[in-house]
Structure formats: structure tokens, C-alpha cells
């Protein structure tokens, strides 16, 4: 099952607060099917407006709201990497990653993420 960082966190918050998916969907103005798809990574990034309705409904402020917005930015399940104008090695790496991402285990993904985070 595909789950995005935003979807996983949203579901965690909803579960912690004992809120049903149907009740939350109704409160933020979307269908339960849409909210379920968002939580399970079958829908793309939520709009800024939807994130605002969610944070208001859940009474999330400051750092937690910023974190939810950041996770939404990282949660598009179909990523496109534009390597035009970059070195051929960058294009080869992007294609190799796209080809093999589904076979990488959690430890390898975490190691690659740490390496990339360290390069900021």
C-alpha cells in the first residue's frame, strides 16, 4: 500500500483524536472517499486551502501546522524530475532511481535521504 508522509501523519492525528474518516471529511468539506485516497497516497498533494481547513478543524497551530504543510509538499506520489540542462550523470541517476525505488528497503532509503539532507 502506498502511503505518503502527509497521509500517514494525517491519519495518525485523526486516530489520536478518535475522529472517524467520515466525520473529518464532512468537517473539512471533502468526501470520505477523497480523504481516504489522500491518506493512502492515491491522491496527489492536497491544496493549500484544504490543508488550512484541516489544520483549523484539528486546531493545529504553529510548528505542527508548518510540519503538516511541509509533509504535504513532500507527498506527491508521482514525482517528475526535470534533468534538462544537467550533466548526463544526473539524468542517468534520476532514471536509475526511478527504475529501482520500488526495490529499495527502508534502511537504504533512510541512508540516501541522510546523504542528500547532509548536502543542503
N, C-alpha and C. Protein backbone atom coordinates (compact mmCIF):
# COMPACT_ATOMS: atom_id res chain seq x y z
N UNK A 1 0.84 -1.18 0.00
CA UNK A 1 0.00 0.00 0.00
C UNK A 1 0.89 1.24 0.00
N UNK A 2 0.58 2.17 -0.86
CA UNK A 2 1.30 3.43 -0.92
C UNK A 2 0.73 4.38 0.11
N UNK A 3 1.59 4.93 0.91
CA UNK A 3 1.17 5.95 1.87
C UNK A 3 2.17 7.10 1.75
N UNK A 4 1.65 8.31 1.70
CA UNK A 4 2.52 9.48 1.63
C UNK A 4 2.84 9.97 3.04
N UNK A 5 3.89 10.77 3.20
CA UNK A 5 4.18 11.33 4.53
C UNK A 5 3.00 12.13 5.09
N UNK A 6 2.34 12.92 4.23
CA UNK A 6 1.19 13.70 4.67
C UNK A 6 0.06 12.78 5.10
N UNK A 7 -0.25 11.79 4.26
CA UNK A 7 -1.34 10.87 4.57
C UNK A 7 -1.12 10.10 5.86
N UNK A 8 0.11 9.65 6.07
CA UNK A 8 0.42 8.91 7.29
C UNK A 8 0.25 9.79 8.53
N UNK A 9 0.73 11.02 8.45
CA UNK A 9 0.62 11.93 9.61
C UNK A 9 -0.83 12.34 9.85
N UNK A 10 -1.56 12.61 8.79
CA UNK A 10 -2.96 12.99 8.93
C UNK A 10 -3.75 11.87 9.60
N UNK A 11 -3.54 10.66 9.15
CA UNK A 11 -4.24 9.53 9.75
C UNK A 11 -3.85 9.36 11.21
N UNK A 12 -2.57 9.53 11.51
CA UNK A 12 -2.10 9.41 12.90
C UNK A 12 -2.79 10.44 13.79
N UNK A 13 -2.85 11.68 13.33
CA UNK A 13 -3.50 12.74 14.12
C UNK A 13 -4.99 12.42 14.29
N UNK A 14 -5.63 12.00 13.21
CA UNK A 14 -7.05 11.69 13.26
C UNK A 14 -7.32 10.54 14.23
N UNK A 15 -6.48 9.51 14.19
CA UNK A 15 -6.63 8.37 15.10
C UNK A 15 -6.39 8.78 16.56
N UNK A 16 -5.36 9.60 16.78
CA UNK A 16 -5.06 10.07 18.14
C UNK A 16 -6.24 10.83 18.74
N UNK A 17 -6.98 11.50 17.90
CA UNK A 17 -8.11 12.30 18.37
C UNK A 17 -9.43 11.55 18.33
N UNK A 18 -9.36 10.28 17.91
CA UNK A 18 -10.56 9.45 17.89
C UNK A 18 -11.60 9.91 16.89
N UNK A 19 -11.16 10.49 15.80
CA UNK A 19 -12.06 11.06 14.81
C UNK A 19 -12.22 10.08 13.64
N UNK A 20 -13.45 9.84 13.25
CA UNK A 20 -13.67 8.96 12.10
C UNK A 20 -13.32 9.70 10.81
N UNK A 21 -13.00 8.93 9.80
CA UNK A 21 -12.68 9.50 8.49
C UNK A 21 -13.89 10.25 7.95
N UNK A 22 -15.07 9.68 8.12
CA UNK A 22 -16.30 10.31 7.61
C UNK A 22 -16.56 11.65 8.29
N UNK A 23 -16.40 11.69 9.62
CA UNK A 23 -16.63 12.94 10.35
C UNK A 23 -15.64 14.01 9.93
N UNK A 24 -14.37 13.63 9.77
CA UNK A 24 -13.37 14.62 9.38
C UNK A 24 -13.63 15.11 7.96
N UNK A 25 -13.94 14.19 7.07
CA UNK A 25 -14.21 14.58 5.68
C UNK A 25 -15.35 15.59 5.63
N UNK A 26 -16.41 15.31 6.34
CA UNK A 26 -17.56 16.21 6.37
C UNK A 26 -17.14 17.59 6.91
N UNK A 27 -16.35 17.60 7.97
CA UNK A 27 -15.95 18.85 8.61
C UNK A 27 -15.07 19.72 7.72
N UNK A 28 -14.24 19.10 6.87
CA UNK A 28 -13.33 19.89 6.03
C UNK A 28 -13.85 20.07 4.61
N UNK A 29 -15.03 19.50 4.32
CA UNK A 29 -15.67 19.75 3.04
C UNK A 29 -15.22 18.89 1.88
N UNK A 30 -14.81 17.65 2.17
CA UNK A 30 -14.46 16.72 1.10
C UNK A 30 -15.22 15.42 1.34
N UNK A 31 -15.20 14.55 0.36
CA UNK A 31 -15.88 13.26 0.51
C UNK A 31 -14.99 12.31 1.32
N UNK A 32 -15.59 11.36 2.02
CA UNK A 32 -14.80 10.36 2.71
C UNK A 32 -13.88 9.59 1.76
N UNK A 33 -14.35 9.34 0.54
CA UNK A 33 -13.52 8.63 -0.44
C UNK A 33 -12.27 9.44 -0.78
N UNK A 34 -12.43 10.75 -0.95
CA UNK A 34 -11.28 11.60 -1.26
C UNK A 34 -10.29 11.61 -0.09
N UNK A 35 -10.80 11.78 1.13
CA UNK A 35 -9.91 11.82 2.30
C UNK A 35 -9.18 10.49 2.47
N UNK A 36 -9.88 9.39 2.25
CA UNK A 36 -9.24 8.08 2.32
C UNK A 36 -8.14 7.95 1.27
N UNK A 37 -8.43 8.39 0.05
CA UNK A 37 -7.43 8.34 -1.02
C UNK A 37 -6.22 9.22 -0.69
N UNK A 38 -6.47 10.35 -0.07
CA UNK A 38 -5.38 11.25 0.34
C UNK A 38 -4.51 10.58 1.40
N UNK A 39 -5.15 9.95 2.38
CA UNK A 39 -4.41 9.27 3.44
C UNK A 39 -3.61 8.09 2.92
N UNK A 40 -4.11 7.43 1.88
CA UNK A 40 -3.44 6.23 1.36
C UNK A 40 -2.56 6.48 0.15
N UNK A 41 -2.36 7.74 -0.22
CA UNK A 41 -1.44 8.07 -1.30
C UNK A 41 -1.99 7.84 -2.69
N UNK A 42 -3.30 7.71 -2.81
CA UNK A 42 -3.89 7.54 -4.13
C UNK A 42 -4.33 8.86 -4.73
N UNK A 43 -4.15 9.93 -4.01
CA UNK A 43 -4.40 11.29 -4.50
C UNK A 43 -3.13 12.09 -4.33
N UNK A 44 -2.97 13.07 -5.18
CA UNK A 44 -1.78 13.92 -5.11
C UNK A 44 -1.80 14.83 -3.89
N UNK A 45 -0.88 15.70 -3.91
CA UNK A 45 -0.73 16.69 -2.84
C UNK A 45 -2.03 17.44 -2.60
N UNK A 46 -2.42 17.63 -1.35
CA UNK A 46 -3.63 18.43 -1.09
C UNK A 46 -3.37 19.91 -1.39
N UNK A 47 -4.42 20.63 -1.68
CA UNK A 47 -4.28 22.06 -1.94
C UNK A 47 -3.97 22.79 -0.63
N UNK A 48 -3.42 23.98 -0.78
CA UNK A 48 -3.12 24.80 0.40
C UNK A 48 -4.40 25.08 1.18
N UNK A 49 -5.49 25.31 0.44
CA UNK A 49 -6.77 25.61 1.08
C UNK A 49 -7.26 24.43 1.91
N UNK A 50 -7.11 23.22 1.39
CA UNK A 50 -7.54 22.04 2.14
C UNK A 50 -6.67 21.86 3.39
N UNK A 51 -5.39 22.09 3.25
CA UNK A 51 -4.50 21.98 4.41
C UNK A 51 -4.94 22.97 5.49
N UNK A 52 -5.31 24.17 5.07
CA UNK A 52 -5.76 25.17 6.04
C UNK A 52 -7.05 24.73 6.73
N UNK A 53 -7.99 24.16 5.98
CA UNK A 53 -9.23 23.68 6.59
C UNK A 53 -8.95 22.54 7.57
N UNK A 54 -8.02 21.67 7.21
CA UNK A 54 -7.66 20.55 8.09
C UNK A 54 -7.01 21.05 9.37
N UNK A 55 -6.05 21.97 9.24
CA UNK A 55 -5.38 22.47 10.44
C UNK A 55 -6.35 23.23 11.33
N UNK A 56 -7.28 23.98 10.74
CA UNK A 56 -8.28 24.68 11.54
C UNK A 56 -9.19 23.70 12.26
N UNK A 57 -9.66 22.70 11.54
CA UNK A 57 -10.57 21.72 12.13
C UNK A 57 -9.89 20.95 13.27
N UNK A 58 -8.62 20.62 13.08
CA UNK A 58 -7.90 19.86 14.10
C UNK A 58 -7.29 20.77 15.17
N UNK A 59 -7.47 22.08 14.99
CA UNK A 59 -6.92 23.07 15.92
C UNK A 59 -5.40 22.91 16.05
N UNK A 60 -4.76 22.77 14.89
CA UNK A 60 -3.30 22.62 14.84
C UNK A 60 -2.72 24.00 14.54
N UNK A 61 -1.73 24.40 15.32
CA UNK A 61 -1.11 25.71 15.12
C UNK A 61 0.40 25.60 15.09
N UNK A 62 1.01 26.68 14.69
CA UNK A 62 2.46 26.90 14.69
C UNK A 62 3.25 25.77 14.07
N UNK A 63 4.16 25.20 14.84
CA UNK A 63 5.10 24.21 14.31
C UNK A 63 4.40 22.99 13.73
N UNK A 64 3.35 22.53 14.40
CA UNK A 64 2.65 21.34 13.90
C UNK A 64 1.96 21.63 12.57
N UNK A 65 1.40 22.82 12.42
CA UNK A 65 0.78 23.22 11.15
C UNK A 65 1.85 23.34 10.05
N UNK A 66 2.98 23.94 10.39
CA UNK A 66 4.08 24.06 9.43
C UNK A 66 4.57 22.67 8.99
N UNK A 67 4.65 21.76 9.96
CA UNK A 67 5.10 20.40 9.65
C UNK A 67 4.12 19.70 8.71
N UNK A 68 2.83 19.88 8.93
CA UNK A 68 1.83 19.26 8.07
C UNK A 68 1.93 19.83 6.64
N UNK A 69 2.17 21.14 6.53
CA UNK A 69 2.36 21.75 5.20
C UNK A 69 3.63 21.21 4.53
N UNK A 70 4.71 21.07 5.31
CA UNK A 70 5.96 20.54 4.76
C UNK A 70 5.76 19.11 4.27
N UNK A 71 5.04 18.30 5.06
CA UNK A 71 4.78 16.92 4.65
C UNK A 71 3.93 16.87 3.39
N UNK A 72 2.99 17.79 3.26
CA UNK A 72 2.18 17.85 2.05
C UNK A 72 3.06 18.13 0.83
N UNK A 73 4.03 19.03 1.00
CA UNK A 73 4.94 19.34 -0.11
C UNK A 73 5.75 18.12 -0.53
N UNK A 74 6.01 17.22 0.41
CA UNK A 74 6.81 16.02 0.13
C UNK A 74 5.96 14.81 -0.26
N UNK A 75 4.68 15.02 -0.50
CA UNK A 75 3.77 13.89 -0.61
C UNK A 75 3.14 13.66 -1.98
N UNK A 76 3.72 14.17 -3.00
CA UNK A 76 3.15 13.87 -4.31
C UNK A 76 3.59 12.46 -4.70
N UNK A 77 2.64 11.52 -4.90
CA UNK A 77 3.03 10.14 -5.16
C UNK A 77 3.63 9.88 -6.54
N UNK A 78 3.50 10.85 -7.45
CA UNK A 78 4.07 10.69 -8.80
C UNK A 78 5.00 11.87 -9.06
N UNK A 79 6.26 11.66 -8.81
CA UNK A 79 7.25 12.73 -8.90
C UNK A 79 7.86 12.77 -10.29
N UNK A 80 8.06 13.97 -10.82
CA UNK A 80 8.73 14.17 -12.09
C UNK A 80 10.03 14.92 -11.80
N UNK A 81 11.13 14.40 -12.31
CA UNK A 81 12.42 15.04 -12.11
C UNK A 81 12.89 15.58 -13.46
N UNK A 82 13.05 16.88 -13.54
CA UNK A 82 13.49 17.52 -14.77
C UNK A 82 15.00 17.67 -14.71
N UNK A 83 15.70 16.89 -15.53
CA UNK A 83 17.16 16.95 -15.56
C UNK A 83 17.68 17.68 -16.80
N UNK A 84 16.78 18.34 -17.52
CA UNK A 84 17.25 19.07 -18.70
C UNK A 84 18.23 20.15 -18.25
N UNK A 85 19.34 20.24 -18.96
CA UNK A 85 20.36 21.22 -18.63
C UNK A 85 21.36 20.74 -17.59
N UNK A 86 21.13 19.54 -17.04
CA UNK A 86 22.08 19.00 -16.07
C UNK A 86 23.03 18.03 -16.76
N UNK A 87 24.04 17.65 -16.05
CA UNK A 87 25.02 16.69 -16.53
C UNK A 87 24.34 15.35 -16.86
N UNK A 88 24.89 14.62 -17.81
CA UNK A 88 24.34 13.31 -18.19
C UNK A 88 24.29 12.36 -17.00
N UNK A 89 25.23 12.49 -16.07
CA UNK A 89 25.24 11.62 -14.89
C UNK A 89 24.01 11.86 -14.02
N UNK A 90 23.54 13.10 -13.96
CA UNK A 90 22.34 13.42 -13.19
C UNK A 90 21.11 12.76 -13.81
N UNK A 91 21.04 12.80 -15.14
CA UNK A 91 19.92 12.16 -15.83
C UNK A 91 19.96 10.65 -15.63
N UNK A 92 21.14 10.06 -15.74
CA UNK A 92 21.28 8.62 -15.53
C UNK A 92 20.89 8.25 -14.10
N UNK A 93 21.31 9.04 -13.12
CA UNK A 93 20.98 8.77 -11.72
C UNK A 93 19.47 8.87 -11.49
N UNK A 94 18.83 9.90 -12.04
CA UNK A 94 17.39 10.08 -11.87
C UNK A 94 16.63 8.89 -12.46
N UNK A 95 17.05 8.44 -13.62
CA UNK A 95 16.40 7.29 -14.25
C UNK A 95 16.63 6.00 -13.48
N UNK A 96 17.84 5.81 -12.97
CA UNK A 96 18.15 4.63 -12.17
C UNK A 96 17.32 4.62 -10.89
N UNK A 97 17.21 5.77 -10.24
CA UNK A 97 16.41 5.87 -9.03
C UNK A 97 14.94 5.55 -9.33
N UNK A 98 14.41 6.11 -10.42
CA UNK A 98 13.02 5.84 -10.80
C UNK A 98 12.79 4.36 -11.05
N UNK A 99 13.78 3.73 -11.68
CA UNK A 99 13.67 2.31 -12.00
C UNK A 99 13.73 1.42 -10.76
N UNK A 100 14.53 1.81 -9.78
CA UNK A 100 14.81 0.93 -8.64
C UNK A 100 14.17 1.33 -7.32
N UNK A 101 13.49 2.46 -7.25
CA UNK A 101 12.95 2.94 -5.98
C UNK A 101 12.06 1.90 -5.30
N UNK A 102 11.32 1.15 -6.08
CA UNK A 102 10.42 0.14 -5.52
C UNK A 102 11.12 -1.05 -4.91
N UNK A 103 12.40 -1.21 -5.19
CA UNK A 103 13.14 -2.36 -4.65
C UNK A 103 14.00 -2.01 -3.45
N UNK A 104 14.09 -0.72 -3.11
CA UNK A 104 14.94 -0.30 -2.00
C UNK A 104 14.25 -0.54 -0.67
N UNK A 105 15.01 -1.05 0.30
CA UNK A 105 14.43 -1.25 1.63
C UNK A 105 14.48 0.05 2.42
N UNK A 106 13.81 0.06 3.55
CA UNK A 106 13.69 1.28 4.36
C UNK A 106 15.05 1.80 4.82
N UNK A 107 15.97 0.92 5.16
CA UNK A 107 17.30 1.36 5.61
C UNK A 107 18.07 2.05 4.50
N UNK A 108 17.99 1.52 3.29
CA UNK A 108 18.69 2.13 2.16
C UNK A 108 18.09 3.49 1.83
N UNK A 109 16.78 3.58 1.86
CA UNK A 109 16.12 4.87 1.60
C UNK A 109 16.52 5.88 2.66
N UNK A 110 16.55 5.46 3.92
CA UNK A 110 16.95 6.36 5.00
C UNK A 110 18.39 6.82 4.83
N UNK A 111 19.28 5.92 4.42
CA UNK A 111 20.69 6.28 4.22
C UNK A 111 20.83 7.29 3.07
N UNK A 112 20.12 7.06 1.98
CA UNK A 112 20.17 8.00 0.85
C UNK A 112 19.59 9.35 1.27
N UNK A 113 18.53 9.34 2.03
CA UNK A 113 17.92 10.59 2.49
C UNK A 113 18.88 11.37 3.37
N UNK A 114 19.56 10.67 4.30
CA UNK A 114 20.54 11.35 5.17
C UNK A 114 21.66 11.96 4.34
N UNK A 115 22.13 11.22 3.34
CA UNK A 115 23.20 11.72 2.47
C UNK A 115 22.75 12.99 1.74
N UNK A 116 21.55 12.98 1.20
CA UNK A 116 21.05 14.15 0.50
C UNK A 116 20.76 15.31 1.45
N UNK A 117 20.23 15.02 2.63
CA UNK A 117 19.99 16.07 3.62
C UNK A 117 21.28 16.74 4.06
N UNK A 118 22.36 15.94 4.17
CA UNK A 118 23.66 16.47 4.57
C UNK A 118 24.25 17.41 3.53
N UNK A 119 23.81 17.28 2.28
CA UNK A 119 24.36 18.09 1.18
C UNK A 119 23.67 19.45 1.04
N UNK A 120 22.68 19.74 1.87
CA UNK A 120 21.97 21.02 1.79
C UNK A 120 22.84 22.16 2.21
